[in-house]
C-alpha atoms as a PDB file:
ATOM      1  CA  MET A   1     173.789 146.840  74.277  1.00  0.00           C
ATOM      2  CA  TYR A   2     171.362 149.255  72.604  1.00  0.00           C
ATOM      3  CA  LEU A   3     170.564 152.933  72.956  1.00  0.00           C
ATOM      4  CA  LEU A   4     166.821 153.536  73.060  1.00  0.00           C
ATOM      5  CA  ASN A   5     164.853 156.508  74.432  1.00  0.00           C
ATOM      6  CA  ASP A   6     167.965 157.916  76.095  1.00  0.00           C
ATOM      7  CA  HIS A   7     168.663 154.730  77.969  1.00  0.00           C
ATOM      8  CA  PHE A   8     171.179 151.965  77.429  1.00  0.00           C
ATOM      9  CA  TRP A   9     169.475 148.562  77.050  1.00  0.00           C
ATOM     10  CA  TYR A  10     171.237 145.251  77.477  1.00  0.00           C
ATOM     11  CA  ALA A  11     170.322 142.026  75.698  1.00  0.00           C
ATOM     12  CA  THR A  12     170.891 138.730  77.439  1.00  0.00           C
ATOM     13  CA  TYR A  13     169.773 135.109  77.094  1.00  0.00           C
ATOM     14  CA  SER A  14     168.332 133.464  80.146  1.00  0.00           C
ATOM     15  CA  PRO A  15     167.223 129.794  80.177  1.00  0.00           C
ATOM     16  CA  THR A  16     165.386 130.456  83.421  1.00  0.00           C
ATOM     17  CA  THR A  17     162.710 132.339  81.518  1.00  0.00           C
ATOM     18  CA  PHE A  18     161.088 129.106  80.248  1.00  0.00           C
ATOM     19  CA  ASP A  19     157.405 129.418  81.260  1.00  0.00           C
ATOM     20  CA  LEU A  20     156.076 126.144  82.728  1.00  0.00           C
ATOM     21  CA  ASN A  21     152.483 127.316  82.318  1.00  0.00           C
ATOM     22  CA  THR A  22     152.519 128.580  78.729  1.00  0.00           C
ATOM     23  CA  HIS A  23     155.383 126.326  77.543  1.00  0.00           C
ATOM     24  CA  GLU A  24     156.993 129.262  75.678  1.00  0.00           C
ATOM     25  CA  PRO A  25     160.633 128.689  74.636  1.00  0.00           C
ATOM     26  CA  PRO A  26     163.572 130.655  76.146  1.00  0.00           C
ATOM     27  CA  ALA A  27     163.951 134.112  74.648  1.00  0.00           C
ATOM     28  CA  CYS A  28     166.240 137.113  74.698  1.00  0.00           C
ATOM     29  CA  ILE A  29     165.296 139.748  77.234  1.00  0.00           C
ATOM     30  CA  LEU A  30     165.944 143.456  76.944  1.00  0.00           C
ATOM     31  CA  TYR A  31     166.578 145.371  80.095  1.00  0.00           C
ATOM     32  CA  ARG A  32     168.312 148.552  81.188  1.00  0.00           C
ATOM     33  CA  GLU A  33     169.742 150.139  84.217  1.00  0.00           C
ATOM     34  CA  CYS A  34     166.848 150.773  86.573  1.00  0.00           C
ATOM     35  CA  THR A  35     166.096 153.492  88.993  1.00  0.00           C
ATOM     36  CA  SER A  36     165.629 152.498  92.614  1.00  0.00           C
ATOM     37  CA  PHE A  37     161.845 152.919  92.230  1.00  0.00           C
ATOM     38  CA  GLU A  38     161.825 150.639  89.188  1.00  0.00           C
ATOM     39  CA  LYS A  39     163.924 148.068  91.049  1.00  0.00           C
ATOM     40  CA  LYS A  40     161.401 148.111  93.875  1.00  0.00           C
ATOM     41  CA  GLU A  41     158.527 147.832  91.411  1.00  0.00           C
ATOM     42  CA  ARG A  42     160.194 144.909  89.692  1.00  0.00           C
ATOM     43  CA  LEU A  43     160.788 143.204  93.052  1.00  0.00           C
ATOM     44  CA  VAL A  44     157.111 143.562  94.006  1.00  0.00           C
ATOM     45  CA  SER A  45     156.108 142.279  90.572  1.00  0.00           C
ATOM     46  CA  LYS A  46     158.289 139.175  91.044  1.00  0.00           C
ATOM     47  CA  LYS A  47     156.790 138.518  94.488  1.00  0.00           C
ATOM     48  CA  VAL A  48     153.241 138.780  93.143  1.00  0.00           C
ATOM     49  CA  SER A  49     154.117 136.475  90.248  1.00  0.00           C
ATOM     50  CA  ARG A  50     155.699 133.946  92.621  1.00  0.00           C
ATOM     51  CA  LYS A  51     152.660 134.106  94.922  1.00  0.00           C
ATOM     52  CA  ARG A  52     150.306 133.471  92.012  1.00  0.00           C
ATOM     53  CA  THR A  53     152.410 130.477  91.004  1.00  0.00           C
ATOM     54  CA  ASP A  54     152.296 129.100  94.567  1.00  0.00           C
ATOM     55  CA  ILE A  55     148.523 129.544  94.694  1.00  0.00           C
ATOM     56  CA  ALA A  56     148.102 127.789  91.342  1.00  0.00           C
ATOM     57  CA  GLU A  57     150.244 124.872  92.508  1.00  0.00           C
ATOM     58  CA  SER A  58     148.314 124.691  95.780  1.00  0.00           C
ATOM     59  CA  GLN A  59     145.002 124.650  93.936  1.00  0.00           C
ATOM     60  CA  SER A  60     146.269 121.993  91.552  1.00  0.00           C
ATOM     61  CA  LYS A  61     147.309 119.770  94.469  1.00  0.00           C
ATOM     62  CA  ALA A  62     143.970 120.316  96.224  1.00  0.00           C
ATOM     63  CA  THR A  63     141.844 119.457  93.198  1.00  0.00           C
ATOM     64  CA  PRO A  64     141.455 115.686  93.927  1.00  0.00           C
ATOM     65  CA  ASP A  65     140.259 116.379  97.481  1.00  0.00           C
ATOM     66  CA  LYS A  66     137.796 118.967  96.243  1.00  0.00           C
ATOM     67  CA  ARG A  67     136.492 116.518  93.647  1.00  0.00           C
ATOM     68  CA  TRP A  68     135.846 113.920  96.365  1.00  0.00           C
ATOM     69  CA  LYS A  69     134.096 116.559  98.474  1.00  0.00           C
ATOM     70  CA  ILE A  70     131.907 117.554  95.540  1.00  0.00           C
ATOM     71  CA  LEU A  71     131.116 113.883  94.824  1.00  0.00           C
ATOM     72  CA  GLY A  72     130.212 113.321  98.478  1.00  0.00           C
ATOM     73  CA  LEU A  73     127.994 116.403  98.475  1.00  0.00           C
ATOM     74  CA  SER A  74     126.247 115.238  95.284  1.00  0.00           C
ATOM     75  CA  MET A  75     125.572 111.792  96.787  1.00  0.00           C
ATOM     76  CA  SER A  76     124.158 113.408  99.926  1.00  0.00           C
ATOM     77  CA  ILE A  77     121.813 115.538  97.833  1.00  0.00           C
ATOM     78  CA  VAL A  78     120.620 112.462  95.902  1.00  0.00           C
ATOM     79  CA  ALA A  79     119.971 110.590  99.177  1.00  0.00           C
ATOM     80  CA  ILE A  80     118.000 113.544 100.574  1.00  0.00           C
ATOM     81  CA  LEU A  81     115.886 113.780  97.412  1.00  0.00           C
ATOM     82  CA  ALA A  82     115.171 110.018  97.492  1.00  0.00           C
ATOM     83  CA  ALA A  83     114.127 110.213 101.152  1.00  0.00           C
ATOM     84  CA  PHE A  84     111.903 113.180 100.374  1.00  0.00           C
ATOM     85  CA  ALA A  85     110.216 111.319  97.500  1.00  0.00           C
ATOM     86  CA  LEU A  86     109.559 108.319  99.766  1.00  0.00           C
ATOM     87  CA  ALA A  87     108.141 110.514 102.521  1.00  0.00           C
ATOM     88  CA  GLN A  88     105.951 112.315  99.994  1.00  0.00           C
ATOM     89  CA  ASP A  89     104.638 108.984  98.691  1.00  0.00           C
ATOM     90  CA  ARG A  90     103.780 107.843 102.230  1.00  0.00           C
ATOM     91  CA  PHE A  91     102.166 111.198 103.040  1.00  0.00           C
ATOM     92  CA  THR A  92     100.108 111.046  99.846  1.00  0.00           C
ATOM     93  CA  ASN A  93      98.743 107.584 100.666  1.00  0.00           C
ATOM     94  CA  GLU A  94      98.066 108.421 104.312  1.00  0.00           C
ATOM     95  CA  ARG A  95      96.300 111.645 103.463  1.00  0.00           C
ATOM     96  CA  SER A  96      94.324 109.950 100.724  1.00  0.00           C
ATOM     97  CA  GLN A  97      93.212 107.158 103.055  1.00  0.00           C
ATOM     98  CA  ARG A  98      92.522 109.511 105.969  1.00  0.00           C
ATOM     99  CA  ASP A  99      90.152 112.024 104.482  1.00  0.00           C
ATOM    100  CA  GLY A 100      89.910 111.513 100.724  1.00  0.00           C
ATOM    101  CA  SER A 101      90.239 115.298 100.273  1.00  0.00           C
ATOM    102  CA  SER A 102      89.831 116.450  96.704  1.00  0.00           C
ATOM    103  CA  SER A 103      90.142 119.620  94.713  1.00  0.00           C
ATOM    104  CA  LEU A 104      88.437 118.000  91.740  1.00  0.00           C
ATOM    105  CA  ALA A 105      84.768 118.232  90.904  1.00  0.00           C
ATOM    106  CA  GLY A 106      82.459 115.643  92.429  1.00  0.00           C
ATOM    107  CA  SER A 107      81.475 114.431  95.857  1.00  0.00           C
ATOM    108  CA  PRO A 108      84.030 112.966  98.293  1.00  0.00           C
ATOM    109  CA  PRO A 109      84.231 109.172  98.722  1.00  0.00           C
ATOM    110  CA  ALA A 110      81.454 107.542 100.707  1.00  0.00           C
ATOM    111  CA  GLU A 111      82.425 106.136 104.102  1.00  0.00           C
ATOM    112  CA  PHE A 112      81.440 102.597 105.093  1.00  0.00           C
ATOM    113  CA  THR A 113      81.691 100.557 108.236  1.00  0.00           C
ATOM    114  CA  TYR A 114      80.463  96.959 108.589  1.00  0.00           C
ATOM    115  CA  GLU A 115      78.035  94.651 110.273  1.00  0.00           C
ATOM    116  CA  LEU A 116      79.494  91.299 111.295  1.00  0.00           C
ATOM    117  CA  VAL A 117      77.424  88.448 109.813  1.00  0.00           C
ATOM    118  CA  ALA A 118      79.513  85.402 110.768  1.00  0.00           C
ATOM    119  CA  THR A 119      82.975  84.289 111.860  1.00  0.00           C
ATOM    120  CA  TYR A 120      84.743  81.181 110.534  1.00  0.00           C
ATOM    121  CA  PRO A 121      87.955  79.413 111.603  1.00  0.00           C
ATOM    122  CA  HIS A 122      91.027  80.102 109.495  1.00  0.00           C
ATOM    123  CA  ASP A 123      94.569  78.745 109.271  1.00  0.00           C
ATOM    124  CA  ARG A 124      96.785  80.925 111.481  1.00  0.00           C
ATOM    125  CA  ASN A 125      99.796  80.081 109.305  1.00  0.00           C
ATOM    126  CA  ALA A 126      98.240  81.074 105.985  1.00  0.00           C
ATOM    127  CA  PHE A 127     100.003  84.184 104.658  1.00  0.00           C
ATOM    128  CA  ILE A 128      97.024  85.200 102.514  1.00  0.00           C
ATOM    129  CA  GLN A 129      97.768  86.881  99.188  1.00  0.00           C
ATOM    130  CA  GLY A 130      94.592  85.980  97.299  1.00  0.00           C
ATOM    131  CA  LEU A 131      91.066  84.919  98.281  1.00  0.00           C
ATOM    132  CA  ASP A 132      87.915  83.861  96.404  1.00  0.00           C
ATOM    133  CA  PHE A 133      84.646  82.012  96.946  1.00  0.00           C
ATOM    134  CA  ASP A 134      82.504  79.952  94.567  1.00  0.00           C
ATOM    135  CA  GLY A 135      79.390  79.841  96.772  1.00  0.00           C
ATOM    136  CA  GLU A 136      80.527  76.787  98.735  1.00  0.00           C
ATOM    137  CA  THR A 137      84.309  76.600  98.903  1.00  0.00           C
ATOM    138  CA  ILE A 138      87.009  79.128  99.766  1.00  0.00           C
ATOM    139  CA  PHE A 139      90.048  79.322  97.445  1.00  0.00           C
ATOM    140  CA  GLU A 140      93.294  80.759  98.764  1.00  0.00           C
ATOM    141  CA  SER A 141      96.709  81.745  97.499  1.00  0.00           C
ATOM    142  CA  THR A 142      99.418  82.013 100.159  1.00  0.00           C
ATOM    143  CA  GLY A 143     102.812  83.699  99.952  1.00  0.00           C
ATOM    144  CA  GLN A 144     106.384  83.522 101.275  1.00  0.00           C
ATOM    145  CA  TYR A 145     109.283  81.793  99.522  1.00  0.00           C
ATOM    146  CA  GLY A 146     109.222  78.055 100.123  1.00  0.00           C
ATOM    147  CA  ARG A 147     105.713  78.245 101.635  1.00  0.00           C
ATOM    148  CA  SER A 148     103.592  79.547  98.752  1.00  0.00           C
ATOM    149  CA  THR A 149     100.519  77.428  97.957  1.00  0.00           C
ATOM    150  CA  ILE A 150      97.197  77.328  96.196  1.00  0.00           C
ATOM    151  CA  ARG A 151      94.398  75.523  98.033  1.00  0.00           C
ATOM    152  CA  ARG A 152      90.741  74.675  98.442  1.00  0.00           C
ATOM    153  CA  VAL A 153      89.407  75.298 101.971  1.00  0.00           C
ATOM    154  CA  SER A 154      86.163  74.363 103.711  1.00  0.00           C
ATOM    155  CA  LEU A 155      84.304  77.530 104.676  1.00  0.00           C
ATOM    156  CA  GLU A 156      82.650  76.013 107.753  1.00  0.00           C
ATOM    157  CA  THR A 157      85.651  74.241 109.276  1.00  0.00           C
ATOM    158  CA  GLY A 158      88.641  76.081 107.807  1.00  0.00           C
ATOM    159  CA  LYS A 159      90.133  72.709 106.897  1.00  0.00           C
ATOM    160  CA  VAL A 160      92.367  72.564 103.821  1.00  0.00           C
ATOM    161  CA  GLU A 161      90.738  70.048 101.472  1.00  0.00           C
ATOM    162  CA  LYS A 162      93.349  70.107  98.713  1.00  0.00           C
ATOM    163  CA  TRP A 163      96.520  72.059  98.171  1.00  0.00           C
ATOM    164  CA  LEU A 164      99.494  72.440  95.860  1.00  0.00           C
ATOM    165  CA  ARG A 165     102.831  74.008  96.759  1.00  0.00           C
ATOM    166  CA  LEU A 166     104.597  76.323  94.316  1.00  0.00           C
ATOM    167  CA  ASP A 167     108.282  76.071  93.482  1.00  0.00           C
ATOM    168  CA  LYS A 168     110.404  77.458  96.343  1.00  0.00           C
ATOM    169  CA  SER A 169     111.734  80.202  94.055  1.00  0.00           C
ATOM    170  CA  LEU A 170     108.224  81.662  93.666  1.00  0.00           C
ATOM    171  CA  PHE A 171     106.249  83.944  95.964  1.00  0.00           C
ATOM    172  CA  GLY A 172     102.508  83.352  95.561  1.00  0.00           C
ATOM    173  CA  GLU A 173     100.283  86.405  95.077  1.00  0.00           C
ATOM    174  CA  GLY A 174      96.713  87.222  93.950  1.00  0.00           C
ATOM    175  CA  LEU A 175      94.117  84.672  92.884  1.00  0.00           C
ATOM    176  CA  THR A 176      90.735  84.769  91.132  1.00  0.00           C
ATOM    177  CA  LEU A 177      88.127  82.267  89.939  1.00  0.00           C
ATOM    178  CA  PHE A 178      87.305  82.743  86.279  1.00  0.00           C
ATOM    179  CA  GLU A 179      84.668  80.362  84.918  1.00  0.00           C
ATOM    180  CA  ASP A 180      85.886  76.896  86.029  1.00  0.00           C
ATOM    181  CA  LYS A 181      89.522  77.905  86.383  1.00  0.00           C
ATOM    182  CA  ILE A 182      91.753  79.484  89.026  1.00  0.00           C
ATOM    183  CA  ILE A 183      94.205  82.128  87.910  1.00  0.00           C
ATOM    184  CA  GLN A 184      97.129  82.779  90.260  1.00  0.00           C
ATOM    185  CA  LEU A 185      99.911  85.379  90.074  1.00  0.00           C
ATOM    186  CA  THR A 186     103.420  85.365  91.513  1.00  0.00           C
ATOM    187  CA  TRP A 187     105.303  88.366  92.836  1.00  0.00           C
ATOM    188  CA  LYS A 188     108.526  89.181  90.971  1.00  0.00           C
ATOM    189  CA  ARG A 189     109.015  86.457  88.384  1.00  0.00           C
ATOM    190  CA  GLY A 190     106.280  87.554  85.979  1.00  0.00           C
ATOM    191  CA  ILE A 191     104.842  84.016  85.944  1.00  0.00           C
ATOM    192  CA  GLY A 192     101.132  83.229  86.254  1.00  0.00           C
ATOM    193  CA  TYR A 193      99.312  79.900  86.520  1.00  0.00           C
ATOM    194  CA  VAL A 194      95.950  78.573  85.394  1.00  0.00           C
ATOM    195  CA  PHE A 195      94.556  75.649  87.408  1.00  0.00           C
ATOM    196  CA  ASP A 196      91.449  73.506  87.203  1.00  0.00           C
ATOM    197  CA  ALA A 197      89.267  74.760  90.071  1.00  0.00           C
ATOM    198  CA  GLN A 198      88.095  71.264  91.080  1.00  0.00           C
ATOM    199  CA  ASN A 199      91.289  69.249  91.249  1.00  0.00           C
ATOM    200  CA  LEU A 200      93.964  72.011  91.146  1.00  0.00           C
ATOM    201  CA  LYS A 201      95.525  70.423  88.083  1.00  0.00           C
ATOM    202  CA  LEU A 202      97.857  72.818  86.305  1.00  0.00           C
ATOM    203  CA  LEU A 203      96.424  73.710  82.880  1.00  0.00           C
ATOM    204  CA  LYS A 204      98.872  76.323  81.613  1.00  0.00           C
ATOM    205  CA  THR A 205     101.334  79.047  82.555  1.00  0.00           C
ATOM    206  CA  PHE A 206     101.588  82.590  81.218  1.00  0.00           C
ATOM    207  CA  ASN A 207     103.886  85.581  81.523  1.00  0.00           C
ATOM    208  CA  TYR A 208     103.353  89.255  82.245  1.00  0.00           C
ATOM    209  CA  ARG A 209     105.543  92.299  82.782  1.00  0.00           C
ATOM    210  CA  GLY A 210     106.265  93.765  86.172  1.00  0.00           C
ATOM    211  CA  GLU A 211     105.199  92.494  89.565  1.00  0.00           C
ATOM    212  CA  GLY A 212     102.008  90.612  90.310  1.00  0.00           C
ATOM    213  CA  TRP A 213      99.997  91.617  93.410  1.00  0.00           C
ATOM    214  CA  GLY A 214      96.225  91.231  93.170  1.00  0.00           C
ATOM    215  CA  VAL A 215      93.834  89.923  90.507  1.00  0.00           C
ATOM    216  CA  THR A 216      90.075  89.819  89.955  1.00  0.00           C
ATOM    217  CA  HIS A 217      87.771  90.031  86.910  1.00  0.00           C
ATOM    218  CA  ASP A 218      84.661  91.883  85.755  1.00  0.00           C
ATOM    219  CA  GLY A 219      83.187  88.911  83.887  1.00  0.00           C
ATOM    220  CA  ARG A 220      85.046  89.790  80.691  1.00  0.00           C
ATOM    221  CA  ASN A 221      88.594  90.826  81.563  1.00  0.00           C
ATOM    222  CA  LEU A 222      91.079  90.195  84.309  1.00  0.00           C
ATOM    223  CA  ILE A 223      91.961  93.199  86.468  1.00  0.00           C
ATOM    224  CA  VAL A 224      95.500  93.133  87.898  1.00  0.00           C
ATOM    225  CA  SER A 225      97.355  95.273  90.449  1.00  0.00           C
ATOM    226  CA  ASN A 226     101.139  95.574  90.757  1.00  0.00           C
ATOM    227  CA  GLY A 227     101.638  97.584  93.950  1.00  0.00           C
ATOM    228  CA  THR A 228     101.428 100.981  92.251  1.00  0.00           C
ATOM    229  CA  ASP A 229      98.396 103.180  91.523  1.00  0.00           C
ATOM    230  CA  LYS A 230      97.827 101.341  88.227  1.00  0.00           C
ATOM    231  CA  LEU A 231      95.254  98.668  87.442  1.00  0.00           C
ATOM    232  CA  GLN A 232      95.686  96.694  84.220  1.00  0.00           C
ATOM    233  CA  PHE A 233      92.840  95.047  82.325  1.00  0.00           C
ATOM    234  CA  MET A 234      93.957  91.810  80.618  1.00  0.00           C
ATOM    235  CA  ASP A 235      92.417  89.414  78.159  1.00  0.00           C
ATOM    236  CA  PRO A 236      91.770  86.193  80.200  1.00  0.00           C
ATOM    237  CA  ASN A 237      92.860  83.964  77.317  1.00  0.00           C
ATOM    238  CA  THR A 238      95.889  85.734  75.854  1.00  0.00           C
ATOM    239  CA  PHE A 239      96.805  87.746  78.973  1.00  0.00           C
ATOM    240  CA  LYS A 240      97.466  90.736  76.758  1.00  0.00           C
ATOM    241  CA  VAL A 241      97.054  94.122  78.479  1.00  0.00           C
ATOM    242  CA  LEU A 242      94.013  95.850  76.973  1.00  0.00           C
ATOM    243  CA  LYS A 243      94.020  99.057  78.993  1.00  0.00           C
ATOM    244  CA  THR A 244      95.418 100.624  82.152  1.00  0.00           C
ATOM    245  CA  ILE A 245      93.751 102.996  84.592  1.00  0.00           C
ATOM    246  CA  ARG A 246      95.309 105.074  87.367  1.00  0.00           C
ATOM    247  CA  VAL A 247      93.557 105.112  90.707  1.00  0.00           C
ATOM    248  CA  ARG A 248      92.986 108.494  92.360  1.00  0.00           C
ATOM    249  CA  ASP A 249      91.478 109.431  95.685  1.00  0.00           C
ATOM    250  CA  GLY A 250      90.501 112.973  94.761  1.00  0.00           C
ATOM    251  CA  LYS A 251      93.651 114.469  93.280  1.00  0.00           C
ATOM    252  CA  TRP A 252      95.964 112.064  95.105  1.00  0.00           C
ATOM    253  CA  PRO A 253      97.317 108.866  93.498  1.00  0.00           C
ATOM    254  CA  LEU A 254      96.457 105.763  95.523  1.00  0.00           C
ATOM    255  CA  ARG A 255      99.445 103.420  95.507  1.00  0.00           C
ATOM    256  CA  LYS A 256     100.169 100.003  97.054  1.00  0.00           C
ATOM    257  CA  LEU A 257      96.961  98.501  95.659  1.00  0.00           C
ATOM    258  CA  ASN A 258      96.992  94.849  96.637  1.00  0.00           C
ATOM    259  CA  GLU A 259      94.325  92.104  96.713  1.00  0.00           C
ATOM    260  CA  LEU A 260      91.266  92.803  94.536  1.00  0.00           C
ATOM    261  CA  GLU A 261      87.627  91.752  94.220  1.00  0.00           C
ATOM    262  CA  PHE A 262      84.919  92.887  91.815  1.00  0.00           C
ATOM    263  CA  VAL A 263      81.677  93.631  93.678  1.00  0.00           C
ATOM    264  CA  ASP A 264      78.494  95.115  92.168  1.00  0.00           C
ATOM    265  CA  GLY A 265      80.286  97.015  89.421  1.00  0.00           C
ATOM    266  CA  LYS A 266      83.084  98.333  91.664  1.00  0.00           C
ATOM    267  CA  ILE A 267      86.623  97.154  92.319  1.00  0.00           C
ATOM    268  CA  LEU A 268      87.370  96.566  95.993  1.00  0.00           C
ATOM    269  CA  ALA A 269      91.089  96.852  96.753  1.00  0.00           C
ATOM    270  CA  ASN A 270      93.164  96.159  99.807  1.00  0.00           C
ATOM    271  CA  VAL A 271      95.852  98.800 100.297  1.00  0.00           C
ATOM    272  CA  TRP A 272      99.068  97.383 101.734  1.00  0.00           C
ATOM    273  CA  TYR A 273      99.457  98.259 105.434  1.00  0.00           C
ATOM    274  CA  SER A 274      96.009  99.858 105.593  1.00  0.00           C
ATOM    275  CA  ASN A 275      92.985  98.680 107.570  1.00  0.00           C
ATOM    276  CA  ARG A 276      90.687 100.173 104.960  1.00  0.00           C
ATOM    277  CA  ILE A 277      89.448  98.855 101.625  1.00  0.00           C
ATOM    278  CA  ALA A 278      89.144 101.212  98.666  1.00  0.00           C
ATOM    279  CA  MET A 279      86.072 101.133  96.419  1.00  0.00           C
ATOM    280  CA  ILE A 280      87.110 102.061  92.862  1.00  0.00           C
ATOM    281  CA  ASP A 281      85.208 103.010  89.709  1.00  0.00           C
ATOM    282  CA  PRO A 282      86.595 100.660  86.983  1.00  0.00           C
ATOM    283  CA  GLU A 283      86.006 103.217  84.224  1.00  0.00           C
ATOM    284  CA  THR A 284      87.640 106.300  85.746  1.00  0.00           C
ATOM    285  CA  GLY A 285      89.880 104.919  88.488  1.00  0.00           C
ATOM    286  CA  LYS A 286      88.236 107.279  90.976  1.00  0.00           C
ATOM    287  CA  VAL A 287      87.901 106.114  94.588  1.00  0.00           C
ATOM    288  CA  THR A 288      84.185 106.309  95.328  1.00  0.00           C
ATOM    289  CA  GLY A 289      84.234 104.857  98.829  1.00  0.00           C
ATOM    290  CA  TRP A 290      86.264 103.637 101.793  1.00  0.00           C
ATOM    291  CA  ILE A 291      85.445 100.628 103.994  1.00  0.00           C
ATOM    292  CA  ASP A 292      86.954 100.898 107.477  1.00  0.00           C
ATOM    293  CA  LEU A 293      87.752  97.466 108.957  1.00  0.00           C
ATOM    294  CA  THR A 294      90.127  98.600 111.690  1.00  0.00           C
ATOM    295  CA  ASP A 295      88.187  96.871 114.466  1.00  0.00           C
ATOM    296  CA  LEU A 296      88.351  93.488 112.728  1.00  0.00           C
ATOM    297  CA  ARG A 297      92.113  93.153 112.919  1.00  0.00           C
ATOM    298  CA  PRO A 298      93.227  90.913 115.803  1.00  0.00           C
ATOM    299  CA  LYS A 299      95.369  92.834 118.301  1.00  0.00           C
ATOM    300  CA  SER A 300      97.985  90.118 118.797  1.00  0.00           C
ATOM    301  CA  LEU A 301      99.230  90.001 115.205  1.00  0.00           C
ATOM    302  CA  GLY A 302     102.631  91.125 113.891  1.00  0.00           C
ATOM    303  CA  ARG A 303     103.351  94.114 111.687  1.00  0.00           C
ATOM    304  CA  GLU A 304     103.287  92.089 108.449  1.00  0.00           C
ATOM    305  CA  ASP A 305      99.992  90.388 109.323  1.00  0.00           C
ATOM    306  CA  VAL A 306      97.872  93.007 107.572  1.00  0.00           C
ATOM    307  CA  LEU A 307      94.348  93.028 106.184  1.00  0.00           C
ATOM    308  CA  ASN A 308      94.520  91.225 102.834  1.00  0.00           C
ATOM    309  CA  GLY A 309      91.892  89.020 101.227  1.00  0.00           C
ATOM    310  CA  ILE A 310      88.456  89.832  99.805  1.00  0.00           C
ATOM    311  CA  ALA A 311      85.953  87.311  98.392  1.00  0.00           C
ATOM    312  CA  TYR A 312      82.426  87.849  97.113  1.00  0.00           C
ATOM    313  CA  GLU A 313      79.733  85.585  95.670  1.00  0.00           C
ATOM    314  CA  ASP A 314      75.929  85.502  95.760  1.00  0.00           C
ATOM    315  CA  GLY A 315      75.720  88.651  97.867  1.00  0.00           C
ATOM    316  CA  ARG A 316      78.126  87.320 100.522  1.00  0.00           C
ATOM    317  CA  LEU A 317      81.276  89.303 101.299  1.00  0.00           C
ATOM    318  CA  PHE A 318      84.260  87.751 103.132  1.00  0.00           C
ATOM    319  CA  VAL A 319      87.483  89.332 104.398  1.00  0.00           C
ATOM    320  CA  THR A 320      90.582  88.124 106.213  1.00  0.00           C
ATOM    321  CA  GLY A 321      94.287  88.890 106.458  1.00  0.00           C
ATOM    322  CA  LYS A 322      97.791  87.458 106.475  1.00  0.00           C
ATOM    323  CA  ASN A 323      98.078  84.849 109.232  1.00  0.00           C
ATOM    324  CA  TRP A 324      94.679  85.790 110.639  1.00  0.00           C
ATOM    325  CA  PRO A 325      93.014  83.078 112.747  1.00  0.00           C
ATOM    326  CA  LYS A 326      89.546  84.064 111.538  1.00  0.00           C
ATOM    327  CA  LEU A 327      87.660  84.604 108.297  1.00  0.00           C
ATOM    328  CA  PHE A 328      84.870  87.185 108.573  1.00  0.00           C
ATOM    329  CA  GLU A 329      81.613  87.469 106.639  1.00  0.00           C
ATOM    330  CA  ILE A 330      80.451  91.069 106.719  1.00  0.00           C
ATOM    331  CA  LYS A 331      77.757  93.362 105.418  1.00  0.00           C
ATOM    332  CA  LEU A 332      78.613  96.928 104.436  1.00  0.00           C
ATOM    333  CA  VAL A 333      76.901  99.790 106.230  1.00  0.00           C
ATOM    334  CA  GLN A 334      77.261 103.332 104.939  1.00  0.00           C
ATOM    335  CA  LYS A 335      77.992 105.940 107.601  1.00  0.00           C
END
């Protein structure tokens, strides 16, 4: 017991004073006789301290649940952002194909329709991924796993004269005639083939990065699409990428570029799920025209049976689609 400031103070040792939060060791405590007001104040102080401890324990127990809630909220936000990006991509393509609006300098894309020159029979079961013409014979690449082929077809009769089936693990894609050879792409495996155009004998294989969709050439280099807004120019012998351009319809990127054909200094490109063909400047990537072929598509076809396949030679332009029963020769007419 001590006398301090006119009060008697008592010293005692209490093991109950060990603080679980701060981990301080037991200590001696000084206290004195208290007035009734001080007793009440001390009682309130103890209640507040106990309440804070209860709250802390409650929060500690609730932490795992809150973490799961936060994780769930984060995943929801990511899903919403991904859906928004997809919707924006679709809106961009649709708007680009609809009106070709542009805030950049220059005139808007020219609009073309067509005049039907002739109609030819075509294999209803040919899932066309690539098309070309040498002036007499049609060359086709068809897709689908286990059904992908490369073949020579009679223009007049639609009869398959010679064909070769790809390995069932490959999905056939774009095709182009380059000199006396056929160059064919596959979808996801990054494998391309070079065939003799006359007998379809395999001459060599090559590899490339990314997906293969469409392919054509400008007389010097191959031009390849991969389903994005990019077109790659490749050396036809080494298959090395020489340059890449991005395709724009005004200020909007034009994605899902598919089958290609080089016509009079322009790249014609099918756009997946569109009934229109884009006309592209190979130097700038700018869309300079749109060819509307909506009326050509047979009404009875399925959703996947889209316009896909462009061939050009000696001033003759041919188009068809996946599983279409007809091949059309057309002449472009500017609106």
